[in-house]
PDB file of N, CA and C in Angstrom:
ATOM      1  N   MET A   1     -60.546  57.937 133.838  1.00  0.00           N
ATOM      2  CA  MET A   1     -59.170  57.900 134.316  1.00  0.00           C
ATOM      3  C   MET A   1     -58.312  57.154 133.301  1.00  0.00           C
ATOM      4  N   SER A   2     -57.140  57.662 133.078  1.00  0.00           N
ATOM      5  CA  SER A   2     -56.229  57.057 132.121  1.00  0.00           C
ATOM      6  C   SER A   2     -55.667  55.754 132.638  1.00  0.00           C
ATOM      7  N   ARG A   3     -55.412  54.820 131.747  1.00  0.00           N
ATOM      8  CA  ARG A   3     -54.872  53.531 132.152  1.00  0.00           C
ATOM      9  C   ARG A   3     -53.356  53.569 132.292  1.00  0.00           C
ATOM     10  N   LEU A   4     -52.716  54.635 131.844  1.00  0.00           N
ATOM     11  CA  LEU A   4     -51.264  54.741 131.892  1.00  0.00           C
ATOM     12  C   LEU A   4     -50.817  55.791 132.901  1.00  0.00           C
ATOM     13  N   LYS A   5     -49.775  55.467 133.656  1.00  0.00           N
ATOM     14  CA  LYS A   5     -49.198  56.394 134.625  1.00  0.00           C
ATOM     15  C   LYS A   5     -47.726  56.558 134.272  1.00  0.00           C
ATOM     16  N   PRO A   6     -47.311  57.764 133.853  1.00  0.00           N
ATOM     17  CA  PRO A   6     -45.917  57.952 133.438  1.00  0.00           C
ATOM     18  C   PRO A   6     -44.951  57.905 134.624  1.00  0.00           C
ATOM     19  N   PHE A   7     -43.742  57.401 134.385  1.00  0.00           N
ATOM     20  CA  PHE A   7     -42.684  57.388 135.380  1.00  0.00           C
ATOM     21  C   PHE A   7     -41.340  57.281 134.687  1.00  0.00           C
ATOM     22  N   VAL A   8     -40.285  57.587 135.406  1.00  0.00           N
ATOM     23  CA  VAL A   8     -38.928  57.480 134.873  1.00  0.00           C
ATOM     24  C   VAL A   8     -38.250  56.315 135.571  1.00  0.00           C
ATOM     25  N   PHE A   9     -37.741  55.373 134.796  1.00  0.00           N
ATOM     26  CA  PHE A   9     -37.107  54.177 135.326  1.00  0.00           C
ATOM     27  C   PHE A   9     -35.745  54.021 134.682  1.00  0.00           C
ATOM     28  N   ARG A  10     -34.685  54.106 135.507  1.00  0.00           N
ATOM     29  CA  ARG A  10     -33.312  53.993 135.026  1.00  0.00           C
ATOM     30  C   ARG A  10     -33.028  54.947 133.871  1.00  0.00           C
ATOM     31  N   GLY A  11     -33.525  56.173 134.021  1.00  0.00           N
ATOM     32  CA  GLY A  11     -33.253  57.204 133.033  1.00  0.00           C
ATOM     33  C   GLY A  11     -34.139  57.159 131.809  1.00  0.00           C
ATOM     34  N   GLU A  12     -35.021  56.174 131.709  1.00  0.00           N
ATOM     35  CA  GLU A  12     -35.906  56.064 130.549  1.00  0.00           C
ATOM     36  C   GLU A  12     -37.324  56.431 130.951  1.00  0.00           C
ATOM     37  N   PHE A  13     -38.030  57.140 130.096  1.00  0.00           N
ATOM     38  CA  PHE A  13     -39.428  57.465 130.343  1.00  0.00           C
ATOM     39  C   PHE A  13     -40.283  56.276 129.936  1.00  0.00           C
ATOM     40  N   LYS A  14     -41.064  55.784 130.877  1.00  0.00           N
ATOM     41  CA  LYS A  14     -41.938  54.643 130.606  1.00  0.00           C
ATOM     42  C   LYS A  14     -43.310  54.930 131.186  1.00  0.00           C
ATOM     43  N   GLU A  15     -44.229  54.016 130.999  1.00  0.00           N
ATOM     44  CA  GLU A  15     -45.558  54.165 131.550  1.00  0.00           C
ATOM     45  C   GLU A  15     -45.977  52.889 132.249  1.00  0.00           C
ATOM     46  N   LEU A  16     -46.608  53.039 133.415  1.00  0.00           N
ATOM     47  CA  LEU A  16     -47.159  51.911 134.150  1.00  0.00           C
ATOM     48  C   LEU A  16     -48.591  51.697 133.703  1.00  0.00           C
ATOM     49  N   ILE A  17     -49.016  50.466 133.681  1.00  0.00           N
ATOM     50  CA  ILE A  17     -50.409  50.156 133.395  1.00  0.00           C
ATOM     51  C   ILE A  17     -51.059  49.753 134.709  1.00  0.00           C
ATOM     52  N   ARG A  18     -52.120  50.434 135.085  1.00  0.00           N
ATOM     53  CA  ARG A  18     -52.808  50.146 136.338  1.00  0.00           C
ATOM     54  C   ARG A  18     -53.493  48.789 136.237  1.00  0.00           C
ATOM     55  N   LEU A  19     -53.103  47.866 137.108  1.00  0.00           N
ATOM     56  CA  LEU A  19     -53.673  46.519 137.104  1.00  0.00           C
ATOM     57  C   LEU A  19     -55.002  46.494 137.837  1.00  0.00           C
ATOM     58  N   GLY A  20     -55.036  46.983 139.067  1.00  0.00           N
ATOM     59  CA  GLY A  20     -56.270  47.005 139.838  1.00  0.00           C
ATOM     60  C   GLY A  20     -55.995  46.984 141.327  1.00  0.00           C
ATOM     61  N   ARG A  21     -57.067  46.782 142.111  1.00  0.00           N
ATOM     62  CA  ARG A  21     -56.982  46.808 143.569  1.00  0.00           C
ATOM     63  C   ARG A  21     -56.891  45.393 144.127  1.00  0.00           C
ATOM     64  N   VAL A  22     -56.011  45.205 145.110  1.00  0.00           N
ATOM     65  CA  VAL A  22     -55.841  43.905 145.765  1.00  0.00           C
ATOM     66  C   VAL A  22     -57.064  43.628 146.632  1.00  0.00           C
ATOM     67  N   LEU A  23     -57.675  42.456 146.443  1.00  0.00           N
ATOM     68  CA  LEU A  23     -58.811  42.054 147.269  1.00  0.00           C
ATOM     69  C   LEU A  23     -58.337  41.333 148.521  1.00  0.00           C
ATOM     70  N   HIS A  24     -57.493  40.324 148.335  1.00  0.00           N
ATOM     71  CA  HIS A  24     -56.980  39.551 149.467  1.00  0.00           C
ATOM     72  C   HIS A  24     -55.844  38.648 149.019  1.00  0.00           C
ATOM     73  N   VAL A  25     -55.230  37.984 149.988  1.00  0.00           N
ATOM     74  CA  VAL A  25     -54.215  36.965 149.714  1.00  0.00           C
ATOM     75  C   VAL A  25     -54.888  35.618 149.930  1.00  0.00           C
ATOM     76  N   SER A  26     -54.810  34.745 148.936  1.00  0.00           N
ATOM     77  CA  SER A  26     -55.483  33.446 149.005  1.00  0.00           C
ATOM     78  C   SER A  26     -54.744  32.500 149.958  1.00  0.00           C
ATOM     79  N   PRO A  27     -55.397  31.407 150.356  1.00  0.00           N
ATOM     80  CA  PRO A  27     -54.722  30.419 151.208  1.00  0.00           C
ATOM     81  C   PRO A  27     -53.472  29.811 150.565  1.00  0.00           C
ATOM     82  N   SER A  28     -53.423  29.820 149.234  1.00  0.00           N
ATOM     83  CA  SER A  28     -52.243  29.307 148.533  1.00  0.00           C
ATOM     84  C   SER A  28     -51.182  30.400 148.352  1.00  0.00           C
ATOM     85  N   ARG A  29     -51.349  31.541 149.048  1.00  0.00           N
ATOM     86  CA  ARG A  29     -50.397  32.660 149.075  1.00  0.00           C
ATOM     87  C   ARG A  29     -50.308  33.424 147.748  1.00  0.00           C
ATOM     88  N   ASN A  30     -51.344  33.325 146.906  1.00  0.00           N
ATOM     89  CA  ASN A  30     -51.414  34.153 145.707  1.00  0.00           C
ATOM     90  C   ASN A  30     -52.177  35.421 146.036  1.00  0.00           C
ATOM     91  N   ILE A  31     -51.818  36.514 145.383  1.00  0.00           N
ATOM     92  CA  ILE A  31     -52.479  37.796 145.591  1.00  0.00           C
ATOM     93  C   ILE A  31     -53.611  37.902 144.573  1.00  0.00           C
ATOM     94  N   ILE A  32     -54.841  38.104 145.057  1.00  0.00           N
ATOM     95  CA  ILE A  32     -56.003  38.197 144.174  1.00  0.00           C
ATOM     96  C   ILE A  32     -56.316  39.670 143.930  1.00  0.00           C
ATOM     97  N   VAL A  33     -56.379  40.038 142.637  1.00  0.00           N
ATOM     98  CA  VAL A  33     -56.565  41.433 142.240  1.00  0.00           C
ATOM     99  C   VAL A  33     -57.792  41.550 141.341  1.00  0.00           C
ATOM    100  N   LYS A  34     -58.642  42.542 141.609  1.00  0.00           N
ATOM    101  CA  LYS A  34     -59.776  42.865 140.739  1.00  0.00           C
ATOM    102  C   LYS A  34     -59.227  43.698 139.597  1.00  0.00           C
ATOM    103  N   VAL A  35     -59.321  43.194 138.376  1.00  0.00           N
ATOM    104  CA  VAL A  35     -58.643  43.783 137.211  1.00  0.00           C
ATOM    105  C   VAL A  35     -59.374  45.002 136.666  1.00  0.00           C
ATOM    106  N   GLU A  36     -58.582  46.040 136.362  1.00  0.00           N
ATOM    107  CA  GLU A  36     -59.087  47.213 135.644  1.00  0.00           C
ATOM    108  C   GLU A  36     -58.616  47.187 134.198  1.00  0.00           C
ATOM    109  N   ASN A  37     -57.366  46.760 133.979  1.00  0.00           N
ATOM    110  CA  ASN A  37     -56.789  46.643 132.639  1.00  0.00           C
ATOM    111  C   ASN A  37     -56.162  45.261 132.526  1.00  0.00           C
ATOM    112  N   LEU A  38     -56.657  44.478 131.594  1.00  0.00           N
ATOM    113  CA  LEU A  38     -56.249  43.081 131.470  1.00  0.00           C
ATOM    114  C   LEU A  38     -54.765  42.954 131.106  1.00  0.00           C
ATOM    115  N   PRO A  39     -53.982  42.244 131.937  1.00  0.00           N
ATOM    116  CA  PRO A  39     -52.554  42.046 131.658  1.00  0.00           C
ATOM    117  C   PRO A  39     -52.320  40.765 130.872  1.00  0.00           C
ATOM    118  N   LYS A  40     -51.068  40.512 130.542  1.00  0.00           N
ATOM    119  CA  LYS A  40     -50.667  39.255 129.923  1.00  0.00           C
ATOM    120  C   LYS A  40     -50.057  38.376 130.999  1.00  0.00           C
ATOM    121  N   LEU A  41     -50.153  37.069 130.819  1.00  0.00           N
ATOM    122  CA  LEU A  41     -49.544  36.140 131.765  1.00  0.00           C
ATOM    123  C   LEU A  41     -48.033  36.355 131.796  1.00  0.00           C
ATOM    124  N   GLY A  42     -47.454  36.327 132.995  1.00  0.00           N
ATOM    125  CA  GLY A  42     -46.018  36.471 133.148  1.00  0.00           C
ATOM    126  C   GLY A  42     -45.522  37.893 133.279  1.00  0.00           C
ATOM    127  N   GLU A  43     -46.397  38.894 133.145  1.00  0.00           N
ATOM    128  CA  GLU A  43     -45.955  40.282 133.279  1.00  0.00           C
ATOM    129  C   GLU A  43     -45.615  40.600 134.733  1.00  0.00           C
ATOM    130  N   THR A  44     -44.661  41.500 134.925  1.00  0.00           N
ATOM    131  CA  THR A  44     -44.206  41.882 136.254  1.00  0.00           C
ATOM    132  C   THR A  44     -45.181  42.859 136.887  1.00  0.00           C
ATOM    133  N   VAL A  45     -45.537  42.593 138.156  1.00  0.00           N
ATOM    134  CA  VAL A  45     -46.459  43.439 138.908  1.00  0.00           C
ATOM    135  C   VAL A  45     -45.653  44.210 139.955  1.00  0.00           C
ATOM    136  N   VAL A  46     -45.908  45.536 140.037  1.00  0.00           N
ATOM    137  CA  VAL A  46     -45.211  46.391 140.990  1.00  0.00           C
ATOM    138  C   VAL A  46     -46.230  47.214 141.773  1.00  0.00           C
ATOM    139  N   ASP A  47     -45.775  47.794 142.906  1.00  0.00           N
ATOM    140  CA  ASP A  47     -46.633  48.700 143.653  1.00  0.00           C
ATOM    141  C   ASP A  47     -46.373  50.136 143.193  1.00  0.00           C
ATOM    142  N   GLU A  48     -46.957  51.118 143.900  1.00  0.00           N
ATOM    143  CA  GLU A  48     -46.811  52.513 143.478  1.00  0.00           C
ATOM    144  C   GLU A  48     -45.388  53.033 143.621  1.00  0.00           C
ATOM    145  N   ASN A  49     -44.544  52.346 144.391  1.00  0.00           N
ATOM    146  CA  ASN A  49     -43.146  52.740 144.562  1.00  0.00           C
ATOM    147  C   ASN A  49     -42.207  51.977 143.634  1.00  0.00           C
ATOM    148  N   LEU A  50     -42.757  51.262 142.660  1.00  0.00           N
ATOM    149  CA  LEU A  50     -42.027  50.439 141.686  1.00  0.00           C
ATOM    150  C   LEU A  50     -41.304  49.260 142.334  1.00  0.00           C
ATOM    151  N   LYS A  51     -41.746  48.865 143.519  1.00  0.00           N
ATOM    152  CA  LYS A  51     -41.189  47.694 144.180  1.00  0.00           C
ATOM    153  C   LYS A  51     -41.830  46.453 143.560  1.00  0.00           C
ATOM    154  N   PRO A  52     -41.037  45.525 143.020  1.00  0.00           N
ATOM    155  CA  PRO A  52     -41.616  44.327 142.411  1.00  0.00           C
ATOM    156  C   PRO A  52     -42.373  43.495 143.446  1.00  0.00           C
ATOM    157  N   ILE A  53     -43.596  43.132 143.107  1.00  0.00           N
ATOM    158  CA  ILE A  53     -44.450  42.345 143.991  1.00  0.00           C
ATOM    159  C   ILE A  53     -44.474  40.891 143.541  1.00  0.00           C
ATOM    160  N   GLY A  54     -44.530  40.652 142.235  1.00  0.00           N
ATOM    161  CA  GLY A  54     -44.595  39.297 141.700  1.00  0.00           C
ATOM    162  C   GLY A  54     -44.887  39.342 140.213  1.00  0.00           C
ATOM    163  N   GLU A  55     -45.467  38.248 139.712  1.00  0.00           N
ATOM    164  CA  GLU A  55     -45.842  38.224 138.298  1.00  0.00           C
ATOM    165  C   GLU A  55     -47.217  37.610 138.126  1.00  0.00           C
ATOM    166  N   VAL A  56     -47.884  37.986 137.027  1.00  0.00           N
ATOM    167  CA  VAL A  56     -49.229  37.505 136.745  1.00  0.00           C
ATOM    168  C   VAL A  56     -49.172  36.000 136.506  1.00  0.00           C
ATOM    169  N   PHE A  57     -49.935  35.270 137.310  1.00  0.00           N
ATOM    170  CA  PHE A  57     -49.907  33.811 137.302  1.00  0.00           C
ATOM    171  C   PHE A  57     -51.143  33.222 136.628  1.00  0.00           C
ATOM    172  N   ASP A  58     -52.306  33.850 136.845  1.00  0.00           N
ATOM    173  CA  ASP A  58     -53.558  33.308 136.322  1.00  0.00           C
ATOM    174  C   ASP A  58     -54.566  34.435 136.153  1.00  0.00           C
ATOM    175  N   ILE A  59     -55.426  34.299 135.148  1.00  0.00           N
ATOM    176  CA  ILE A  59     -56.536  35.215 134.920  1.00  0.00           C
ATOM    177  C   ILE A  59     -57.795  34.368 134.972  1.00  0.00           C
ATOM    178  N   PHE A  60     -58.763  34.776 135.800  1.00  0.00           N
ATOM    179  CA  PHE A  60     -59.966  33.953 135.958  1.00  0.00           C
ATOM    180  C   PHE A  60     -61.180  34.840 136.237  1.00  0.00           C
ATOM    181  N   GLY A  61     -62.348  34.230 136.243  1.00  0.00           N
ATOM    182  CA  GLY A  61     -63.589  34.945 136.504  1.00  0.00           C
ATOM    183  C   GLY A  61     -64.312  35.282 135.231  1.00  0.00           C
ATOM    184  N   PRO A  62     -65.405  36.034 135.350  1.00  0.00           N
ATOM    185  CA  PRO A  62     -66.182  36.394 134.162  1.00  0.00           C
ATOM    186  C   PRO A  62     -65.420  37.352 133.249  1.00  0.00           C
ATOM    187  N   VAL A  63     -65.708  37.272 131.977  1.00  0.00           N
ATOM    188  CA  VAL A  63     -65.023  38.109 130.997  1.00  0.00           C
ATOM    189  C   VAL A  63     -65.299  39.590 131.257  1.00  0.00           C
ATOM    190  N   SER A  64     -66.498  39.901 131.720  1.00  0.00           N
ATOM    191  CA  SER A  64     -66.859  41.308 131.947  1.00  0.00           C
ATOM    192  C   SER A  64     -66.150  41.928 133.149  1.00  0.00           C
ATOM    193  N   SER A  65     -65.732  41.123 134.133  1.00  0.00           N
ATOM    194  CA  SER A  65     -65.003  41.655 135.294  1.00  0.00           C
ATOM    195  C   SER A  65     -64.050  40.588 135.836  1.00  0.00           C
ATOM    196  N   PRO A  66     -62.897  40.412 135.163  1.00  0.00           N
ATOM    197  CA  PRO A  66     -61.966  39.344 135.538  1.00  0.00           C
ATOM    198  C   PRO A  66     -61.150  39.666 136.791  1.00  0.00           C
ATOM    199  N   TYR A  67     -60.520  38.618 137.295  1.00  0.00           N
ATOM    200  CA  TYR A  67     -59.604  38.698 138.425  1.00  0.00           C
ATOM    201  C   TYR A  67     -58.265  38.127 137.990  1.00  0.00           C
ATOM    202  N   VAL A  68     -57.208  38.518 138.708  1.00  0.00           N
ATOM    203  CA  VAL A  68     -55.863  38.029 138.412  1.00  0.00           C
ATOM    204  C   VAL A  68     -55.270  37.465 139.689  1.00  0.00           C
ATOM    205  N   ALA A  69     -54.578  36.328 139.554  1.00  0.00           N
ATOM    206  CA  ALA A  69     -53.784  35.786 140.641  1.00  0.00           C
ATOM    207  C   ALA A  69     -52.333  36.144 140.358  1.00  0.00           C
ATOM    208  N   VAL A  70     -51.688  36.793 141.327  1.00  0.00           N
ATOM    209  CA  VAL A  70     -50.295  37.200 141.197  1.00  0.00           C
ATOM    210  C   VAL A  70     -49.456  36.298 142.084  1.00  0.00           C
ATOM    211  N   LYS A  71     -48.461  35.637 141.505  1.00  0.00           N
ATOM    212  CA  LYS A  71     -47.519  34.796 142.259  1.00  0.00           C
ATOM    213  C   LYS A  71     -46.492  35.737 142.882  1.00  0.00           C
ATOM    214  N   PRO A  72     -46.504  35.872 144.215  1.00  0.00           N
ATOM    215  CA  PRO A  72     -45.631  36.856 144.857  1.00  0.00           C
ATOM    216  C   PRO A  72     -44.165  36.454 144.860  1.00  0.00           C
ATOM    217  N   GLY A  73     -43.316  37.463 144.850  1.00  0.00           N
ATOM    218  CA  GLY A  73     -41.878  37.238 144.932  1.00  0.00           C
ATOM    219  C   GLY A  73     -41.357  37.534 146.326  1.00  0.00           C
ATOM    220  N   THR A  74     -42.263  37.873 147.241  1.00  0.00           N
ATOM    221  CA  THR A  74     -41.906  38.189 148.614  1.00  0.00           C
ATOM    222  C   THR A  74     -42.808  37.419 149.566  1.00  0.00           C
ATOM    223  N   SER A  75     -42.380  37.255 150.802  1.00  0.00           N
ATOM    224  CA  SER A  75     -43.178  36.487 151.754  1.00  0.00           C
ATOM    225  C   SER A  75     -44.094  37.371 152.600  1.00  0.00           C
ATOM    226  N   LYS A  76     -43.808  38.676 152.697  1.00  0.00           N
ATOM    227  CA  LYS A  76     -44.631  39.594 153.487  1.00  0.00           C
ATOM    228  C   LYS A  76     -45.725  40.171 152.595  1.00  0.00           C
ATOM    229  N   LEU A  77     -46.946  39.670 152.774  1.00  0.00           N
ATOM    230  CA  LEU A  77     -48.037  40.043 151.874  1.00  0.00           C
ATOM    231  C   LEU A  77     -49.190  40.749 152.564  1.00  0.00           C
ATOM    232  N   ASP A  78     -49.193  40.792 153.885  1.00  0.00           N
ATOM    233  CA  ASP A  78     -50.340  41.317 154.616  1.00  0.00           C
ATOM    234  C   ASP A  78     -50.601  42.799 154.353  1.00  0.00           C
ATOM    235  N   PHE A  79     -49.588  43.565 154.036  1.00  0.00           N
ATOM    236  CA  PHE A  79     -49.738  45.004 153.826  1.00  0.00           C
ATOM    237  C   PHE A  79     -50.381  45.340 152.483  1.00  0.00           C
ATOM    238  N   LEU A  80     -50.601  44.361 151.611  1.00  0.00           N
ATOM    239  CA  LEU A  80     -51.091  44.629 150.252  1.00  0.00           C
ATOM    240  C   LEU A  80     -52.601  44.801 150.148  1.00  0.00           C
ATOM    241  N   ALA A  81     -53.373  44.322 151.116  1.00  0.00           N
ATOM    242  CA  ALA A  81     -54.835  44.364 151.014  1.00  0.00           C
ATOM    243  C   ALA A  81     -55.321  45.794 150.780  1.00  0.00           C
ATOM    244  N   GLY A  82     -56.088  45.986 149.717  1.00  0.00           N
ATOM    245  CA  GLY A  82     -56.653  47.287 149.390  1.00  0.00           C
ATOM    246  C   GLY A  82     -55.751  48.199 148.567  1.00  0.00           C
ATOM    247  N   LYS A  83     -54.499  47.823 148.343  1.00  0.00           N
ATOM    248  CA  LYS A  83     -53.570  48.660 147.578  1.00  0.00           C
ATOM    249  C   LYS A  83     -53.798  48.517 146.074  1.00  0.00           C
ATOM    250  N   ILE A  84     -53.376  49.538 145.352  1.00  0.00           N
ATOM    251  CA  ILE A  84     -53.426  49.518 143.892  1.00  0.00           C
ATOM    252  C   ILE A  84     -52.095  48.967 143.382  1.00  0.00           C
ATOM    253  N   LEU A  85     -52.168  48.037 142.436  1.00  0.00           N
ATOM    254  CA  LEU A  85     -50.964  47.477 141.835  1.00  0.00           C
ATOM    255  C   LEU A  85     -50.909  47.859 140.357  1.00  0.00           C
ATOM    256  N   TYR A  86     -49.697  47.831 139.813  1.00  0.00           N
ATOM    257  CA  TYR A  86     -49.458  48.211 138.422  1.00  0.00           C
ATOM    258  C   TYR A  86     -48.677  47.115 137.708  1.00  0.00           C
ATOM    259  N   VAL A  87     -48.734  47.143 136.387  1.00  0.00           N
ATOM    260  CA  VAL A  87     -47.995  46.194 135.552  1.00  0.00           C
ATOM    261  C   VAL A  87     -46.969  46.974 134.751  1.00  0.00           C
ATOM    262  N   LEU A  88     -45.737  46.469 134.732  1.00  0.00           N
ATOM    263  CA  LEU A  88     -44.724  47.058 133.856  1.00  0.00           C
ATOM    264  C   LEU A  88     -44.998  46.559 132.447  1.00  0.00           C
ATOM    265  N   PRO A  89     -45.138  47.453 131.488  1.00  0.00           N
ATOM    266  CA  PRO A  89     -45.395  47.008 130.117  1.00  0.00           C
ATOM    267  C   PRO A  89     -44.248  46.141 129.606  1.00  0.00           C
ATOM    268  N   SER A  90     -44.585  45.003 129.049  1.00  0.00           N
ATOM    269  CA  SER A  90     -43.544  44.107 128.543  1.00  0.00           C
ATOM    270  C   SER A  90     -43.149  44.529 127.137  1.00  0.00           C
ATOM    271  N   LYS A  91     -41.899  44.279 126.815  1.00  0.00           N
ATOM    272  CA  LYS A  91     -41.413  44.595 125.469  1.00  0.00           C
ATOM    273  C   LYS A  91     -41.428  43.352 124.600  1.00  0.00           C
ATOM    274  N   LYS A  92     -41.991  42.264 125.158  1.00  0.00           N
ATOM    275  CA  LYS A  92     -42.073  41.037 124.371  1.00  0.00           C
ATOM    276  C   LYS A  92     -43.053  41.259 123.231  1.00  0.00           C
ATOM    277  N   GLY A  93     -42.688  40.801 122.120  1.00  0.00           N
ATOM    278  CA  GLY A  93     -43.574  40.955 120.971  1.00  0.00           C
ATOM    279  C   GLY A  93     -42.971  40.290 119.767  1.00  0.00           C
ATOM    280  N   ARG A  94     -43.733  40.254 118.747  1.00  0.00           N
ATOM    281  CA  ARG A  94     -43.301  39.639 117.518  1.00  0.00           C
ATOM    282  C   ARG A  94     -42.431  40.610 116.738  1.00  0.00           C
ATOM    283  N   LYS A  95     -41.286  40.175 116.329  1.00  0.00           N
ATOM    284  CA  LYS A  95     -40.403  41.028 115.545  1.00  0.00           C
ATOM    285  C   LYS A  95     -40.857  41.028 114.094  1.00  0.00           C
ATOM    286  N   ARG A  96     -40.848  42.215 113.519  1.00  0.00           N
ATOM    287  CA  ARG A  96     -41.228  42.343 112.109  1.00  0.00           C
ATOM    288  C   ARG A  96     -39.988  42.397 111.254  1.00  0.00           C
ATOM    289  N   LYS A  97     -40.122  41.946 110.050  1.00  0.00           N
ATOM    290  CA  LYS A  97     -39.000  41.954 109.099  1.00  0.00           C
ATOM    291  C   LYS A  97     -38.927  43.257 108.372  1.00  0.00           C
TER     292      LYS A  97
END
């Protein structure tokens, strides 16, 4: 399966990167996700409808199968268990001369 899912956002063609499946919401209200494609810290996490869920807060676990903690931007989190989440590719990068 491809790691990129094409979509149109504000008239621009972009691609979503599949983050992984939500396992549960932790007692500290972070969303724990089993990672399929390793994201960068601070990247925006969205659901399949491009609704912003939060941002990548922490990456932990074994290198062979890591987990991500997502700091949510919303208070209603119960509906997320078992859902697939995506990462918006960041345009942050080093500028070349």
